Amino acid sequence: MERTMNILASKTPYRSRGFCVRIRFLHNTRHGRNPEKSFCYISFKWVLWFSLAFYLFSSFFITQTKPTPTFISKATVFPSKASRALIEELTLKPKSPEGLLKGMKVYIYDLPSEYNSYWLSNERCSNHWFASEVAIHKALMNSDVRTLDPWDADFFFVPVYVSCNFSRVNGFPDIGHARPLLASAVQHISSQLPFWKRSLGSDHIFVASHDFGSCFHTMEDMAMADSVPEFLRNSIILQTFGVNYKHPCQEVENVVIPPYVSPENVRSTLEKSPLTDRRKIFAFFRGKIEVHPKNISGRFYSKRVRTMILQKYGNNRRFYLRRHRLAGYQLEIANSIFCLAPLGWAPWSPRLVESVVLGCVPVIISDGIRLPFPSAIPWAEISLTAAEKDVKKLGKILEHVAATNLTTIQKNLWDPNVRKALLFNNPMGEGDATFQVLVALSEKLDRSHKRSKVSSQ
């Protein structure tokens, strides 16, 4: 049967939805489809495909003729891991001091003058090598980390100048007053404010800048026997004493700090004798050397080390050894290649700092010593270490270094950031010794009552 097609003209030639001629295919009606909708759908589909093709062709043509952009937004590009790391490395800024210190705040107790400022009438108090207790206090007073609101503090600094009141009995140093003075200060602050009792002193900071630190004795046997005062065992002690073996005088939370060396004196010395590799003295030491090491106290000073150095190298022209200090001896350090830093009564010595800041390679002779700020100062790259038992081999050790890697050590030693980290400035400068103390404290913020309270909420 022939297919019959009837074409019927619509009474309404136009519809508001668009143009569409009503053409009815009779053979489609039996499948239940609306011919009008089918034709409109096909027409719309062709228009859509044509528009999309035109858009894609135009976009391709434009991008091919457009100059290459100089910046690609990270929002529209998904870089590989390598390129992402490169972008972040280029855009990241160095950590600010506030970032390094983690927003830490320190409250400083305002103690009566007999605990601190009274002693400053003695000029020696703020200038000898125990004076870091004064320097840290002064620097913190002018620091951005200081808060006047104790409720906002992470730590509490207790400024007691123990070493200022440093008396001498029979020619020997004595700090027998230290324990009662500190106990009195603790009694004072705990009666005035609630913060000591709140934490039992665990967020409180003291300075112990003398021979055996938190033991508060100058003779090691007595220091070890008495150990850390019971009332300070929960606190944080900033101390010059530190060893890498078990010792009663560091059985407390502690930060090893450098002995005090006046930044003004160092600057004055450097102006007179700038750092240079042309140094006339091969190996230098000036200080206390006992010819017979067992003195009237019955103890062996420096564990005989200094005496053995004098006996072995006293007549050696390459070793410049002098038994007494003098005012201008920093110029001798600045004119020396190697500076000997043997232990005295305690493991540490101010010569370590003086050598580094004046560009003389320190030769550390003190078994097991723990050095200050190891995260900031690459000690292994700027110094030499000799065992106490090997002092008689010093000549050969130093000659070997001089013939091999001395230049590398000196280059590392002359890094200004290294020198800065060992000097206490006022006001505090970024990277200096007080700043390094704060960095070390920022690693102990788990002791902060304020932060533990926030984290528990």
Protein backbone atom coordinates (compact mmCIF):
# COMPACT_ATOMS: atom_id res chain seq x y z
CA MET A 1 0.00 0.00 0.00
CA GLU A 2 1.29 3.30 -0.96
CA ARG A 3 2.20 5.57 1.96
CA THR A 4 -0.27 8.42 2.00
CA MET A 5 0.85 11.80 3.23
CA ASN A 6 -1.54 14.57 4.07
CA ILE A 7 -0.28 18.01 4.59
CA LEU A 8 -2.53 20.16 6.59
CA ALA A 9 -1.91 23.82 7.01
CA SER A 10 -2.44 25.00 10.54
CA LYS A 11 -5.02 27.62 11.20
CA THR A 12 -2.39 29.37 13.35
CA PRO A 13 0.80 29.60 11.25
CA TYR A 14 2.99 30.86 14.15
CA ARG A 15 3.36 29.90 17.77
CA SER A 16 4.72 32.10 20.48
CA ARG A 17 7.41 29.53 21.34
CA GLY A 18 9.15 29.98 17.99
CA PHE A 19 8.58 29.32 14.37
CA CYS A 20 7.32 25.90 13.44
CA VAL A 21 5.26 24.85 10.39
CA ARG A 22 2.71 22.25 11.31
CA ILE A 23 3.61 19.24 9.18
CA ARG A 24 1.94 16.04 10.19
CA PHE A 25 3.36 12.73 9.06
CA LEU A 26 0.57 10.29 9.26
CA HIS A 27 2.84 7.30 9.65
CA ASN A 28 4.23 8.79 12.91
CA THR A 29 0.88 9.21 14.54
CA ARG A 30 0.46 5.52 14.94
CA HIS A 31 3.61 5.40 17.13
CA GLY A 32 2.09 7.91 19.54
CA ARG A 33 4.57 10.72 18.83
CA ASN A 34 3.69 14.37 18.47
CA PRO A 35 5.03 15.41 15.04
CA GLU A 36 5.11 19.04 16.04
CA LYS A 37 7.34 18.35 19.09
CA SER A 38 9.62 15.99 17.11
CA PHE A 39 10.33 18.58 14.45
CA CYS A 40 11.00 21.32 17.01
CA TYR A 41 13.32 19.03 18.98
CA ILE A 42 15.37 18.15 15.84
CA SER A 43 15.59 21.79 14.83
CA PHE A 44 16.68 22.87 18.29
CA LYS A 45 19.33 20.13 18.42
CA TRP A 46 20.84 21.20 15.12
CA VAL A 47 20.95 24.84 16.22
CA LEU A 48 22.60 23.84 19.51
CA TRP A 49 25.27 21.71 17.82
CA PHE A 50 26.00 24.45 15.31
CA SER A 51 26.39 27.06 18.08
CA LEU A 52 28.68 24.84 20.15
CA ALA A 53 30.89 24.03 17.15
CA PHE A 54 31.15 27.69 16.28
CA TYR A 55 32.13 28.57 19.89
CA LEU A 56 34.83 25.89 20.07
CA PHE A 57 36.30 26.87 16.72
CA SER A 58 36.38 30.56 17.70
CA SER A 59 38.00 29.80 21.08
CA PHE A 60 40.69 27.66 19.47
CA PHE A 61 41.46 30.34 16.89
CA ILE A 62 41.70 33.09 19.56
CA THR A 63 44.00 31.12 21.89
CA GLN A 64 46.32 30.25 19.03
CA THR A 65 46.77 33.89 18.06
CA LYS A 66 46.85 35.31 21.60
CA PRO A 67 50.30 35.92 23.20
CA THR A 68 51.42 33.53 25.96
CA PRO A 69 50.38 34.88 29.39
CA THR A 70 53.12 35.77 31.88
CA PHE A 71 51.14 34.60 34.89
CA ILE A 72 48.92 31.57 35.35
CA SER A 73 46.51 31.64 38.23
CA LYS A 74 46.82 28.71 40.62
CA ALA A 75 43.02 28.69 40.73
CA THR A 76 42.79 27.50 37.11
CA VAL A 77 45.80 25.19 36.94
CA PHE A 78 46.45 21.95 38.79
CA PRO A 79 50.25 21.69 38.87
CA SER A 80 52.19 18.54 39.48
CA LYS A 81 53.74 17.97 42.93
CA ALA A 82 57.08 19.28 41.75
CA SER A 83 55.70 22.47 40.25
CA ARG A 84 53.42 23.03 43.25
CA ALA A 85 56.42 22.82 45.56
CA LEU A 86 58.29 25.30 43.38
CA ILE A 87 55.41 27.77 43.43
CA GLU A 88 55.08 27.51 47.20
CA GLU A 89 58.82 27.90 47.65
CA LEU A 90 58.78 31.08 45.57
CA THR A 91 55.76 32.56 47.31
CA LEU A 92 56.37 31.60 50.95
CA LYS A 93 57.86 34.28 53.13
CA PRO A 94 60.41 33.56 55.88
CA LYS A 95 58.92 33.01 59.30
CA SER A 96 58.50 36.20 61.25
CA PRO A 97 59.88 36.42 64.80
CA GLU A 98 56.29 36.19 66.00
CA GLY A 99 55.90 32.95 64.06
CA LEU A 100 59.09 31.47 65.46
CA LEU A 101 58.03 32.32 68.99
CA LYS A 102 54.47 31.04 68.41
CA GLY A 103 52.87 34.13 69.90
CA MET A 104 54.42 33.39 73.29
CA LYS A 105 53.89 35.89 76.12
CA VAL A 106 56.01 36.32 79.26
CA TYR A 107 55.03 38.10 82.45
CA ILE A 108 57.88 39.57 84.53
CA TYR A 109 57.39 39.80 88.28
CA ASP A 110 58.03 43.22 89.78
CA LEU A 111 60.14 42.16 92.78
CA PRO A 112 61.45 44.42 95.54
CA SER A 113 64.86 45.90 94.75
CA GLU A 114 66.76 43.66 97.19
CA TYR A 115 66.22 40.77 94.77
CA ASN A 116 67.75 42.49 91.75
CA SER A 117 68.22 46.21 91.02
CA TYR A 118 69.81 46.98 94.39
CA TRP A 119 72.91 45.03 93.33
CA LEU A 120 73.42 46.97 90.11
CA SER A 121 75.26 49.64 92.12
CA ASN A 122 78.20 47.24 91.77
CA GLU A 123 79.31 47.68 88.16
CA ARG A 124 80.72 44.15 88.13
CA CYS A 125 77.18 42.82 88.55
CA SER A 126 76.15 43.56 84.96
CA ASN A 127 79.51 42.94 83.29
CA HIS A 128 81.10 39.73 84.53
CA TRP A 129 80.50 36.41 82.77
CA PHE A 130 77.65 35.50 85.16
CA ALA A 131 75.71 38.62 84.10
CA SER A 132 73.29 36.87 81.75
CA GLU A 133 70.80 36.96 84.65
CA VAL A 134 70.83 40.77 84.38
CA ALA A 135 71.00 40.90 80.57
CA ILE A 136 68.03 38.56 80.03
CA HIS A 137 65.92 40.50 82.52
CA LYS A 138 66.67 43.84 80.85
CA ALA A 139 66.08 42.48 77.35
CA LEU A 140 62.74 40.91 78.29
CA MET A 141 61.57 44.13 79.92
CA ASN A 142 61.79 45.85 76.50
CA SER A 143 60.67 42.88 74.43
CA ASP A 144 57.46 42.44 72.44
CA VAL A 145 56.89 39.10 74.17
CA ARG A 146 56.39 40.83 77.49
CA THR A 147 52.83 41.13 78.74
CA LEU A 148 51.66 43.30 81.61
CA ASP A 149 48.62 41.08 82.08
CA PRO A 150 49.63 37.93 84.02
CA TRP A 151 46.42 36.17 82.95
CA ASP A 152 47.61 36.45 79.35
CA ALA A 153 51.06 34.95 80.06
CA ASP A 154 52.47 31.61 78.96
CA PHE A 155 55.50 31.93 81.24
CA PHE A 156 56.46 33.90 84.35
CA PHE A 157 59.99 35.27 84.71
CA VAL A 158 61.34 35.63 88.27
CA PRO A 159 64.24 38.16 88.20
CA VAL A 160 66.51 37.27 91.11
CA TYR A 161 70.16 38.31 90.69
CA VAL A 162 71.93 35.51 92.53
CA SER A 163 75.38 36.07 91.02
CA CYS A 164 75.40 39.80 91.68
CA ASN A 165 75.67 39.05 95.36
CA PHE A 166 78.68 36.85 94.65
CA SER A 167 80.85 36.97 97.76
CA ARG A 168 84.28 35.44 98.26
CA VAL A 169 85.33 33.52 101.32
CA ASN A 170 89.04 32.68 101.70
CA GLY A 171 89.59 33.64 98.06
CA PHE A 172 86.95 31.25 96.68
CA PRO A 173 83.64 32.19 95.07
CA ASP A 174 80.57 31.59 97.19
CA ILE A 175 76.84 31.75 96.51
CA GLY A 176 75.65 30.26 99.77
CA HIS A 177 73.04 33.02 99.95
CA ALA A 178 71.35 31.84 96.73
CA ARG A 179 68.94 29.26 98.11
CA PRO A 180 67.43 31.40 100.88
CA LEU A 181 67.22 34.38 98.51
CA LEU A 182 65.33 32.34 95.90
CA ALA A 183 63.10 30.74 98.51
CA SER A 184 62.21 34.21 99.77
CA ALA A 185 61.36 35.35 96.23
CA VAL A 186 59.09 32.34 95.69
CA GLN A 187 57.34 33.05 98.98
CA HIS A 188 56.83 36.65 97.90
CA ILE A 189 55.34 35.93 94.48
CA SER A 190 53.14 33.09 95.73
CA SER A 191 51.66 35.33 98.41
CA GLN A 192 50.97 38.19 95.99
CA LEU A 193 49.56 36.38 92.94
CA PRO A 194 47.99 32.93 92.35
CA PHE A 195 50.12 31.77 89.42
CA TRP A 196 52.90 29.94 91.28
CA LYS A 197 50.46 27.81 93.27
CA ARG A 198 48.29 27.26 90.19
CA SER A 199 51.07 25.41 88.35
CA LEU A 200 53.41 24.60 91.28
CA GLY A 201 55.98 26.70 89.44
CA SER A 202 56.08 24.64 86.24
CA ASP A 203 55.61 27.71 84.02
CA HIS A 204 58.05 29.89 86.00
CA ILE A 205 61.55 30.75 84.77
CA PHE A 206 64.75 31.41 86.77
CA VAL A 207 68.33 32.13 85.70
CA ALA A 208 71.26 30.23 87.21
CA SER A 209 74.28 31.63 85.37
CA HIS A 210 77.06 30.37 87.65
CA ASP A 211 79.20 27.24 87.77
CA PHE A 212 76.75 24.42 88.48
CA GLY A 213 73.50 26.09 87.59
CA SER A 214 70.37 25.01 89.43
CA CYS A 215 72.37 23.37 92.22
CA PHE A 216 73.50 26.86 93.35
CA HIS A 217 76.98 25.82 94.54
CA THR A 218 80.39 26.58 93.07
CA MET A 219 82.04 23.31 94.14
CA GLU A 220 80.82 20.29 92.21
CA ASP A 221 80.85 17.78 95.06
CA MET A 222 78.73 20.06 97.24
CA ALA A 223 76.50 20.94 94.32
CA MET A 224 75.85 17.27 93.55
CA ALA A 225 75.23 16.45 97.21
CA ASP A 226 72.60 19.18 97.64
CA SER A 227 71.23 18.93 94.09
CA VAL A 228 68.37 21.16 92.86
CA PRO A 229 66.39 22.89 95.64
CA GLU A 230 63.09 21.10 96.15
CA PHE A 231 60.99 24.22 95.60
CA LEU A 232 62.51 24.73 92.12
CA ARG A 233 62.21 21.19 90.80
CA ASN A 234 59.09 21.94 88.74
CA SER A 235 60.41 25.16 87.22
CA ILE A 236 62.47 26.04 84.13
CA ILE A 237 66.10 27.01 84.78
CA LEU A 238 68.21 28.96 82.29
CA GLN A 239 71.73 27.84 83.17
CA THR A 240 75.25 27.92 81.81
CA PHE A 241 75.88 24.42 83.16
CA GLY A 242 75.06 21.51 80.90
CA VAL A 243 76.45 18.02 80.26
CA ASN A 244 75.26 15.15 78.10
CA TYR A 245 75.34 12.60 80.90
CA LYS A 246 73.29 12.13 84.05
CA HIS A 247 74.06 14.84 86.60
CA PRO A 248 72.06 16.07 89.63
CA CYS A 249 72.49 19.70 88.61
CA GLN A 250 70.46 19.31 85.46
CA GLU A 251 67.69 17.10 86.83
CA VAL A 252 65.23 19.90 86.20
CA GLU A 253 63.71 21.39 83.05
CA ASN A 254 66.54 23.55 81.75
CA VAL A 255 67.89 25.54 78.82
CA VAL A 256 71.68 25.84 78.41
CA ILE A 257 72.65 29.46 77.82
CA PRO A 258 76.04 31.05 77.02
CA PRO A 259 78.01 32.97 79.65
CA TYR A 260 77.79 36.72 79.33
CA VAL A 261 80.29 38.57 77.15
CA SER A 262 79.77 42.30 76.71
CA PRO A 263 78.64 43.14 73.14
CA GLU A 264 80.14 46.61 73.57
CA ASN A 265 83.56 45.16 74.42
CA VAL A 266 83.39 42.85 71.42
CA ARG A 267 82.49 45.70 69.07
CA SER A 268 85.33 47.79 70.47
CA THR A 269 87.81 44.95 69.97
CA LEU A 270 86.65 44.33 66.40
CA GLU A 271 87.07 48.00 65.57
CA LYS A 272 90.67 47.82 66.74
CA SER A 273 91.37 44.43 65.18
CA PRO A 274 88.91 43.47 62.39
CA LEU A 275 88.36 39.78 61.69
CA THR A 276 91.06 38.54 59.35
CA ASP A 277 92.79 35.30 58.44
CA ARG A 278 96.20 36.88 59.07
CA ARG A 279 96.67 35.97 62.70
CA LYS A 280 100.06 35.83 64.38
CA ILE A 281 99.32 33.50 67.32
CA PHE A 282 98.86 29.82 66.48
CA ALA A 283 97.35 28.57 69.78
CA PHE A 284 96.30 30.89 72.59
CA PHE A 285 95.22 30.66 76.23
CA ARG A 286 95.22 33.25 78.96
CA GLY A 287 93.69 32.54 82.36
CA LYS A 288 94.02 30.62 85.57
CA ILE A 289 96.58 27.82 85.36
CA GLU A 290 97.78 26.20 88.55
CA VAL A 291 101.31 24.85 88.43
CA HIS A 292 100.31 22.31 91.04
CA PRO A 293 96.66 21.48 90.35
CA LYS A 294 95.71 20.35 93.87
CA ASN A 295 95.09 23.66 95.64
CA ILE A 296 94.41 24.48 99.28
CA SER A 297 90.80 23.34 98.94
CA GLY A 298 92.08 19.82 98.35
CA ARG A 299 90.56 19.72 94.87
CA PHE A 300 92.20 19.38 91.47
CA TYR A 301 91.45 22.51 89.49
CA SER A 302 90.40 21.89 85.87
CA LYS A 303 90.89 18.17 86.54
CA ARG A 304 94.61 18.86 85.93
CA VAL A 305 93.88 19.71 82.26
CA ARG A 306 95.26 23.26 82.32
CA THR A 307 98.30 22.18 84.29
CA MET A 308 99.08 19.47 81.73
CA ILE A 309 98.76 22.00 78.89
CA LEU A 310 101.26 24.29 80.61
CA GLN A 311 103.66 21.43 81.33
CA LYS A 312 103.55 20.12 77.76
CA TYR A 313 103.44 23.37 75.75
CA GLY A 314 104.74 26.06 78.09
CA ASN A 315 108.01 26.23 76.13
CA ASN A 316 106.49 25.68 72.71
CA ARG A 317 106.75 28.85 70.61
CA ARG A 318 103.53 28.08 68.76
CA PHE A 319 101.56 28.08 72.01
CA TYR A 320 100.98 31.46 73.63
CA LEU A 321 100.07 30.55 77.23
CA ARG A 322 99.67 33.14 80.00
CA ARG A 323 98.55 32.46 83.56
CA HIS A 324 96.90 35.82 84.30
CA ARG A 325 94.14 37.72 82.55
CA LEU A 326 94.55 41.34 81.52
CA ALA A 327 92.16 44.02 80.35
CA GLY A 328 93.06 43.89 76.65
CA TYR A 329 93.28 40.16 76.26
CA GLN A 330 90.42 40.09 73.73
CA LEU A 331 92.85 41.64 71.24
CA GLU A 332 95.04 38.57 71.72
CA ILE A 333 92.07 36.35 70.92
CA ALA A 334 91.35 38.37 67.78
CA ASN A 335 94.96 37.81 66.73
CA SER A 336 94.93 34.02 67.30
CA ILE A 337 94.06 31.09 65.06
CA PHE A 338 93.13 28.54 67.76
CA CYS A 339 91.86 29.48 71.22
CA LEU A 340 91.96 26.84 73.93
CA ALA A 341 88.77 26.55 76.00
CA PRO A 342 89.51 24.00 78.73
CA LEU A 343 87.16 23.42 81.65
CA GLY A 344 87.74 25.25 84.96
CA TRP A 345 85.81 24.35 88.07
CA ALA A 346 82.80 23.80 85.81
CA PRO A 347 82.67 22.38 82.27
CA TRP A 348 81.87 25.71 80.58
CA SER A 349 84.09 28.72 80.05
CA PRO A 350 83.53 32.31 78.80
CA ARG A 351 86.44 31.71 76.40
CA LEU A 352 84.10 29.67 74.26
CA VAL A 353 81.95 32.71 73.51
CA GLU A 354 84.88 35.12 73.28
CA SER A 355 86.64 32.88 70.77
CA VAL A 356 83.62 32.49 68.51
CA VAL A 357 82.63 36.17 68.43
CA LEU A 358 86.23 37.21 67.73
CA GLY A 359 86.82 34.67 64.98
CA CYS A 360 89.27 32.38 66.77
CA VAL A 361 88.58 28.65 66.38
CA PRO A 362 87.60 27.39 69.85
CA VAL A 363 89.27 24.20 71.00
CA ILE A 364 86.85 22.71 73.52
CA ILE A 365 88.52 20.54 76.15
CA SER A 366 85.71 19.51 78.46
CA ASP A 367 84.40 15.96 78.27
CA GLY A 368 80.64 15.65 77.87
CA ILE A 369 79.87 19.37 77.77
CA ARG A 370 76.44 20.37 76.44
CA LEU A 371 76.71 23.55 74.39
CA PRO A 372 74.13 26.36 74.12
CA PHE A 373 71.59 26.74 71.30
CA PRO A 374 72.57 23.75 69.14
CA SER A 375 69.66 24.41 66.76
CA ALA A 376 71.08 27.84 65.91
CA ILE A 377 74.83 27.25 66.19
CA PRO A 378 76.53 24.47 64.16
CA TRP A 379 79.15 23.70 66.81
CA ALA A 380 80.68 20.78 64.93
CA GLU A 381 81.40 23.10 61.97
CA ILE A 382 82.92 26.02 63.88
CA SER A 383 84.96 24.41 66.65
CA LEU A 384 87.27 21.56 67.59
CA THR A 385 86.77 19.15 70.45
CA ALA A 386 89.65 17.39 72.19
CA ALA A 387 89.26 14.78 74.92
CA GLU A 388 90.72 15.71 78.31
CA LYS A 389 93.00 12.66 78.14
CA ASP A 390 94.40 13.86 74.79
CA VAL A 391 95.69 17.29 75.85
CA LYS A 392 99.27 16.18 75.34
CA LYS A 393 98.41 15.51 71.68
CA LEU A 394 97.06 19.01 71.09
CA GLY A 395 100.05 20.10 69.01
CA LYS A 396 99.57 17.34 66.45
CA ILE A 397 95.79 17.76 66.42
CA LEU A 398 95.98 21.49 65.68
CA GLU A 399 98.72 21.10 63.07
CA HIS A 400 96.61 18.50 61.25
CA VAL A 401 93.57 20.79 61.20
CA ALA A 402 95.68 23.75 60.05
CA ALA A 403 96.94 21.68 57.13
CA THR A 404 93.54 20.32 56.09
CA ASN A 405 90.21 22.04 56.84
CA LEU A 406 91.08 25.18 58.80
CA THR A 407 89.85 27.49 56.02
CA THR A 408 86.43 25.82 55.99
CA ILE A 409 86.09 26.08 59.77
CA GLN A 410 87.06 29.75 59.74
CA LYS A 411 84.57 30.49 56.98
CA ASN A 412 81.79 28.89 59.03
CA LEU A 413 82.98 30.68 62.15
CA TRP A 414 82.76 34.11 60.55
CA ASP A 415 79.04 33.76 59.88
CA PRO A 416 77.56 36.86 61.60
CA ASN A 417 74.46 34.89 62.64
CA VAL A 418 76.65 32.56 64.71
CA ARG A 419 78.25 35.44 66.59
CA LYS A 420 74.90 37.13 67.12
CA ALA A 421 73.39 34.03 68.74
CA LEU A 422 75.94 34.12 71.58
CA LEU A 423 75.61 37.77 72.61
CA PHE A 424 72.95 39.25 74.90
CA ASN A 425 71.86 42.62 73.51
CA ASN A 426 69.67 45.32 74.97
CA PRO A 427 67.29 45.84 73.35
CA MET A 428 66.95 42.26 72.20
CA GLY A 429 67.67 41.68 68.52
CA GLU A 430 66.26 38.96 66.32
CA GLY A 431 68.60 35.98 66.47
CA ASP A 432 70.64 37.13 69.48
CA ALA A 433 71.11 35.17 72.71
CA THR A 434 67.92 36.33 74.43
CA PHE A 435 65.98 35.60 71.25
CA GLN A 436 67.45 32.07 71.23
CA VAL A 437 66.33 31.65 74.84
CA LEU A 438 62.79 32.55 73.78
CA VAL A 439 62.92 30.13 70.85
CA ALA A 440 63.94 27.37 73.29
CA LEU A 441 61.10 28.35 75.64
CA SER A 442 58.61 28.28 72.77
CA GLU A 443 59.35 24.56 72.49
CA LYS A 444 58.11 24.14 76.06
CA LEU A 445 54.70 25.72 75.59
CA ASP A 446 53.06 22.50 76.74
CA ARG A 447 53.81 23.92 80.21
CA SER A 448 51.66 26.97 79.53
CA HIS A 449 48.54 26.89 81.70
CA LYS A 450 46.83 29.33 79.34
CA ARG A 451 47.31 27.09 76.30
CA SER A 452 46.42 23.87 78.07
CA LYS A 453 43.19 25.51 79.23
CA VAL A 454 42.32 26.62 75.69
CA SER A 455 43.08 23.20 74.18
CA SER A 456 40.87 21.45 76.73
CA GLN A 457 37.85 23.57 75.85
